[in-house]
Amino acid sequence: MFDVTEGFTAQDAHVIGYALEAQRGVIVAGNKWDLVSGEHTEDDWQRYVRRRLRFAPWVSVCFIS
């Protein structure tokens, strides 16, 4: 889980890498979605997170409040 107001950080990606190395299931959840300004859509955020997760394109990404 990452805080959308802080963005998806390198540390977030690093932790996901550890989980994948340990052969654990991963779902990435962007928390505080209700605080995102109207200029960025969910599709924009999906593209942003997926670019950062190029090493794991099969991981599910969702946004929660």
N, C-alpha and C. Protein backbone atom coordinates (compact mmCIF):
# COMPACT_ATOMS: atom_id res chain seq x y z
N MET A 1 0.85 -1.16 0.00
CA MET A 1 0.00 0.00 0.00
C MET A 1 0.90 1.23 0.00
N PHE A 2 0.55 2.19 -0.82
CA PHE A 2 1.30 3.44 -0.84
C PHE A 2 0.32 4.61 -0.74
N ASP A 3 0.82 5.72 -0.25
CA ASP A 3 0.03 6.93 -0.07
C ASP A 3 0.04 7.72 -1.38
N VAL A 4 -1.10 7.88 -2.00
CA VAL A 4 -1.18 8.57 -3.30
C VAL A 4 -0.72 10.02 -3.18
N THR A 5 -0.93 10.63 -2.03
CA THR A 5 -0.52 12.03 -1.86
C THR A 5 1.00 12.16 -1.84
N GLU A 6 1.73 11.07 -1.54
CA GLU A 6 3.19 11.09 -1.54
C GLU A 6 3.77 10.51 -2.82
N GLY A 7 2.94 9.85 -3.61
CA GLY A 7 3.41 9.23 -4.85
C GLY A 7 3.95 7.83 -4.59
N PHE A 8 4.26 7.15 -5.66
CA PHE A 8 4.80 5.79 -5.59
C PHE A 8 6.32 5.92 -5.57
N THR A 9 6.93 5.58 -4.45
CA THR A 9 8.36 5.83 -4.26
C THR A 9 9.21 4.62 -4.66
N ALA A 10 10.51 4.87 -4.74
CA ALA A 10 11.45 3.78 -5.02
C ALA A 10 11.40 2.75 -3.91
N GLN A 11 11.19 3.19 -2.68
CA GLN A 11 11.10 2.25 -1.57
C GLN A 11 9.88 1.34 -1.72
N ASP A 12 8.77 1.88 -2.21
CA ASP A 12 7.58 1.05 -2.46
C ASP A 12 7.91 -0.05 -3.46
N ALA A 13 8.57 0.31 -4.54
CA ALA A 13 8.95 -0.67 -5.56
C ALA A 13 9.93 -1.69 -4.99
N HIS A 14 10.83 -1.25 -4.13
CA HIS A 14 11.81 -2.14 -3.53
C HIS A 14 11.12 -3.19 -2.65
N VAL A 15 10.16 -2.77 -1.86
CA VAL A 15 9.42 -3.70 -0.99
C VAL A 15 8.66 -4.71 -1.84
N ILE A 16 8.08 -4.27 -2.94
CA ILE A 16 7.37 -5.19 -3.84
C ILE A 16 8.36 -6.20 -4.42
N GLY A 17 9.55 -5.75 -4.75
CA GLY A 17 10.59 -6.65 -5.25
C GLY A 17 10.92 -7.73 -4.23
N TYR A 18 11.02 -7.36 -2.95
CA TYR A 18 11.27 -8.35 -1.90
C TYR A 18 10.14 -9.38 -1.82
N ALA A 19 8.90 -8.91 -1.90
CA ALA A 19 7.76 -9.82 -1.83
C ALA A 19 7.77 -10.80 -3.01
N LEU A 20 8.11 -10.31 -4.18
CA LEU A 20 8.16 -11.18 -5.36
C LEU A 20 9.30 -12.19 -5.26
N GLU A 21 10.45 -11.76 -4.73
CA GLU A 21 11.56 -12.69 -4.52
C GLU A 21 11.19 -13.81 -3.55
N ALA A 22 10.33 -13.48 -2.58
CA ALA A 22 9.87 -14.46 -1.60
C ALA A 22 8.69 -15.27 -2.14
N GLN A 23 8.36 -15.06 -3.40
CA GLN A 23 7.26 -15.75 -4.08
C GLN A 23 5.93 -15.57 -3.35
N ARG A 24 5.63 -14.33 -3.00
CA ARG A 24 4.37 -13.97 -2.35
C ARG A 24 3.48 -13.24 -3.34
N GLY A 25 2.20 -13.35 -3.15
CA GLY A 25 1.26 -12.62 -3.98
C GLY A 25 1.32 -11.13 -3.66
N VAL A 26 1.11 -10.31 -4.66
CA VAL A 26 1.21 -8.86 -4.47
C VAL A 26 0.02 -8.18 -5.12
N ILE A 27 -0.60 -7.29 -4.36
CA ILE A 27 -1.60 -6.36 -4.89
C ILE A 27 -1.14 -4.98 -4.43
N VAL A 28 -1.01 -4.06 -5.34
CA VAL A 28 -0.59 -2.70 -5.01
C VAL A 28 -1.83 -1.85 -4.84
N ALA A 29 -1.95 -1.22 -3.67
CA ALA A 29 -3.12 -0.38 -3.38
C ALA A 29 -2.66 1.05 -3.12
N GLY A 30 -3.21 1.99 -3.87
CA GLY A 30 -2.95 3.41 -3.65
C GLY A 30 -3.98 3.94 -2.67
N ASN A 31 -3.54 4.28 -1.47
CA ASN A 31 -4.44 4.74 -0.42
C ASN A 31 -4.65 6.25 -0.51
N LYS A 32 -5.75 6.73 0.06
CA LYS A 32 -6.14 8.15 0.09
C LYS A 32 -6.51 8.67 -1.30
N TRP A 33 -7.12 7.81 -2.08
CA TRP A 33 -7.52 8.18 -3.44
C TRP A 33 -8.48 9.36 -3.44
N ASP A 34 -9.27 9.50 -2.40
CA ASP A 34 -10.24 10.59 -2.33
C ASP A 34 -9.57 11.96 -2.22
N LEU A 35 -8.28 12.02 -1.91
CA LEU A 35 -7.58 13.29 -1.78
C LEU A 35 -6.88 13.74 -3.07
N VAL A 36 -6.96 12.93 -4.12
CA VAL A 36 -6.31 13.26 -5.38
C VAL A 36 -7.06 14.39 -6.06
N SER A 37 -6.29 15.35 -6.56
CA SER A 37 -6.92 16.48 -7.24
C SER A 37 -7.52 16.03 -8.57
N GLY A 38 -8.41 16.81 -9.11
CA GLY A 38 -9.13 16.47 -10.33
C GLY A 38 -8.29 16.48 -11.60
N GLU A 39 -7.06 16.99 -11.55
CA GLU A 39 -6.27 17.08 -12.76
C GLU A 39 -5.64 15.75 -13.16
N HIS A 40 -5.58 14.77 -12.24
CA HIS A 40 -5.03 13.45 -12.55
C HIS A 40 -6.12 12.39 -12.40
N THR A 41 -6.28 11.57 -13.43
CA THR A 41 -7.30 10.54 -13.40
C THR A 41 -6.71 9.22 -12.91
N GLU A 42 -7.58 8.26 -12.67
CA GLU A 42 -7.12 6.94 -12.27
C GLU A 42 -6.26 6.32 -13.36
N ASP A 43 -6.61 6.54 -14.61
CA ASP A 43 -5.79 6.03 -15.73
C ASP A 43 -4.38 6.62 -15.71
N ASP A 44 -4.28 7.91 -15.38
CA ASP A 44 -2.96 8.55 -15.27
C ASP A 44 -2.13 7.86 -14.20
N TRP A 45 -2.74 7.61 -13.06
CA TRP A 45 -2.04 6.96 -11.96
C TRP A 45 -1.69 5.51 -12.29
N GLN A 46 -2.59 4.82 -12.98
CA GLN A 46 -2.29 3.44 -13.40
C GLN A 46 -1.04 3.42 -14.27
N ARG A 47 -0.97 4.32 -15.24
CA ARG A 47 0.20 4.38 -16.13
C ARG A 47 1.48 4.70 -15.34
N TYR A 48 1.36 5.64 -14.41
CA TYR A 48 2.51 6.04 -13.59
C TYR A 48 3.04 4.86 -12.76
N VAL A 49 2.14 4.17 -12.08
CA VAL A 49 2.56 3.04 -11.23
C VAL A 49 3.09 1.90 -12.09
N ARG A 50 2.43 1.61 -13.18
CA ARG A 50 2.88 0.50 -14.06
C ARG A 50 4.25 0.79 -14.67
N ARG A 51 4.55 2.06 -14.96
CA ARG A 51 5.90 2.40 -15.44
C ARG A 51 6.94 2.08 -14.37
N ARG A 52 6.60 2.35 -13.11
CA ARG A 52 7.52 2.08 -12.01
C ARG A 52 7.63 0.59 -11.72
N LEU A 53 6.62 -0.19 -12.14
CA LEU A 53 6.60 -1.63 -11.90
C LEU A 53 6.82 -2.42 -13.18
N ARG A 54 7.67 -1.92 -14.04
CA ARG A 54 7.94 -2.63 -15.30
C ARG A 54 8.45 -4.04 -15.05
N PHE A 55 9.08 -4.27 -13.90
CA PHE A 55 9.62 -5.59 -13.58
C PHE A 55 8.52 -6.58 -13.16
N ALA A 56 7.29 -6.11 -12.98
CA ALA A 56 6.18 -6.98 -12.57
C ALA A 56 4.87 -6.52 -13.22
N PRO A 57 4.73 -6.68 -14.53
CA PRO A 57 3.55 -6.17 -15.23
C PRO A 57 2.25 -6.89 -14.87
N TRP A 58 2.33 -8.04 -14.24
CA TRP A 58 1.13 -8.82 -13.90
C TRP A 58 0.51 -8.39 -12.56
N VAL A 59 1.18 -7.56 -11.79
CA VAL A 59 0.70 -7.15 -10.47
C VAL A 59 -0.55 -6.28 -10.62
N SER A 60 -1.55 -6.57 -9.80
CA SER A 60 -2.78 -5.77 -9.79
C SER A 60 -2.56 -4.46 -9.07
N VAL A 61 -3.15 -3.40 -9.62
CA VAL A 61 -3.05 -2.07 -9.01
C VAL A 61 -4.47 -1.54 -8.81
N CYS A 62 -4.78 -1.12 -7.58
CA CYS A 62 -6.11 -0.55 -7.32
C CYS A 62 -5.93 0.69 -6.43
N PHE A 63 -6.99 1.47 -6.35
CA PHE A 63 -6.96 2.71 -5.58
C PHE A 63 -8.11 2.67 -4.59
N ILE A 64 -7.78 3.02 -3.33
CA ILE A 64 -8.75 2.93 -2.25
C ILE A 64 -8.77 4.21 -1.44
N SER A 65 -9.82 4.38 -0.65
CA SER A 65 -9.91 5.53 0.24
C SER A 65 -10.06 5.06 1.66
